[in-house]
Each structure stands twice: as C-alpha cells, then as structure tokens.
Amino acid sequence: MMRNSEIIARITWTRQDIRQLLEDNDLDSTDEAVDRFLERLDLRRFEEACIEDGWERLSWALPR
C-alpha cells in the first residue's frame, strides 16, 4: 500500500475476468458469450453490491 496515497484499494473487473469465469464453469467463453453475460448483468447493482461488501470487510478491521 502506498502510504501517501488517498486511495487504499481499487478493484477493476475486465472482460477477461468474465471469460475466465465462464471457462472455469465449463461454459462458452467466446467474445459473444461474454457480451451476452454482460447484457444480462445489472452493472449498477453489481457495483453497489461490491461497495456494500467492501464496507462490510472494512468493518471487520475495526477494533473490538
């Protein structure tokens, strides 16, 4: 972690991540299959869920 940076973490999801997910589950992983996956994915809800999960994980680090 860069101590002088305001950013402590950044997560970037790529088309390759989707392709790998499909491959790992023995599914079609062509560009067209990735496109179909992304068309079905509610990106706004996905982003919100990732943020909610991040807050939960940060709270785990609070002193108890």
Protein backbone atom coordinates (compact mmCIF):
# COMPACT_ATOMS: atom_id res chain seq x y z
CA MET A 1 0.00 0.00 0.00
CA MET A 2 1.24 3.47 -0.82
CA ARG A 3 1.08 5.39 2.44
CA ASN A 4 0.96 8.82 0.80
CA SER A 5 -1.98 7.97 -1.42
CA GLU A 6 -5.60 8.65 -0.52
CA ILE A 7 -6.58 5.51 -2.41
CA ILE A 8 -6.20 2.35 -0.34
CA ALA A 9 -7.75 -0.16 -2.75
CA ARG A 10 -9.05 -0.32 -6.29
CA ILE A 11 -10.71 -3.27 -7.95
CA THR A 12 -11.09 -3.48 -11.71
CA TRP A 13 -13.12 -6.20 -13.42
CA THR A 14 -12.34 -6.94 -17.05
CA ARG A 15 -13.83 -8.90 -19.93
CA GLN A 16 -11.01 -11.39 -19.36
CA ASP A 17 -12.32 -11.95 -15.82
CA ILE A 18 -15.74 -12.80 -17.27
CA ARG A 19 -14.14 -15.06 -19.86
CA GLN A 20 -12.22 -16.86 -17.10
CA LEU A 21 -15.38 -17.23 -15.01
CA LEU A 22 -17.16 -18.81 -17.95
CA GLU A 23 -14.23 -21.12 -18.69
CA ASP A 24 -13.93 -22.15 -15.03
CA ASN A 25 -17.58 -23.19 -15.15
CA ASP A 26 -17.20 -25.12 -18.42
CA LEU A 27 -19.31 -22.58 -20.33
CA ASP A 28 -18.89 -20.96 -23.72
CA SER A 29 -16.27 -18.23 -23.29
CA THR A 30 -16.26 -16.66 -26.75
CA ASP A 31 -16.50 -12.90 -27.17
CA GLU A 32 -20.18 -13.36 -27.98
CA ALA A 33 -20.74 -15.30 -24.75
CA VAL A 34 -19.00 -12.57 -22.76
CA ASP A 35 -21.23 -9.99 -24.49
CA ARG A 36 -24.36 -11.99 -23.57
CA PHE A 37 -23.18 -12.32 -19.97
CA LEU A 38 -22.62 -8.56 -19.71
CA GLU A 39 -26.00 -7.82 -21.29
CA ARG A 40 -27.70 -9.88 -18.54
CA LEU A 41 -25.62 -8.43 -15.70
CA ASP A 42 -27.13 -5.48 -13.85
CA LEU A 43 -23.90 -3.48 -13.68
CA ARG A 44 -25.31 -0.86 -11.33
CA ARG A 45 -26.44 -3.50 -8.82
CA PHE A 46 -23.13 -5.35 -9.22
CA GLU A 47 -21.22 -2.16 -8.40
CA GLU A 48 -23.46 -1.41 -5.41
CA ALA A 49 -23.03 -4.96 -4.09
CA CYS A 50 -19.24 -4.69 -4.41
CA ILE A 51 -19.30 -1.42 -2.46
CA GLU A 52 -21.53 -2.90 0.25
CA ASP A 53 -19.20 -5.88 0.55
CA GLY A 54 -16.22 -3.55 0.82
CA TRP A 55 -17.80 -1.63 3.68
CA GLU A 56 -18.57 -4.88 5.48
CA ARG A 57 -14.98 -6.05 5.08
CA LEU A 58 -13.64 -2.72 6.32
CA SER A 59 -15.82 -3.02 9.41
CA TRP A 60 -14.14 -6.34 10.18
CA ALA A 61 -10.93 -4.37 10.79
CA LEU A 62 -12.48 -2.17 13.48
CA PRO A 63 -11.06 -2.64 16.96
CA ARG A 64 -13.25 -4.87 19.11
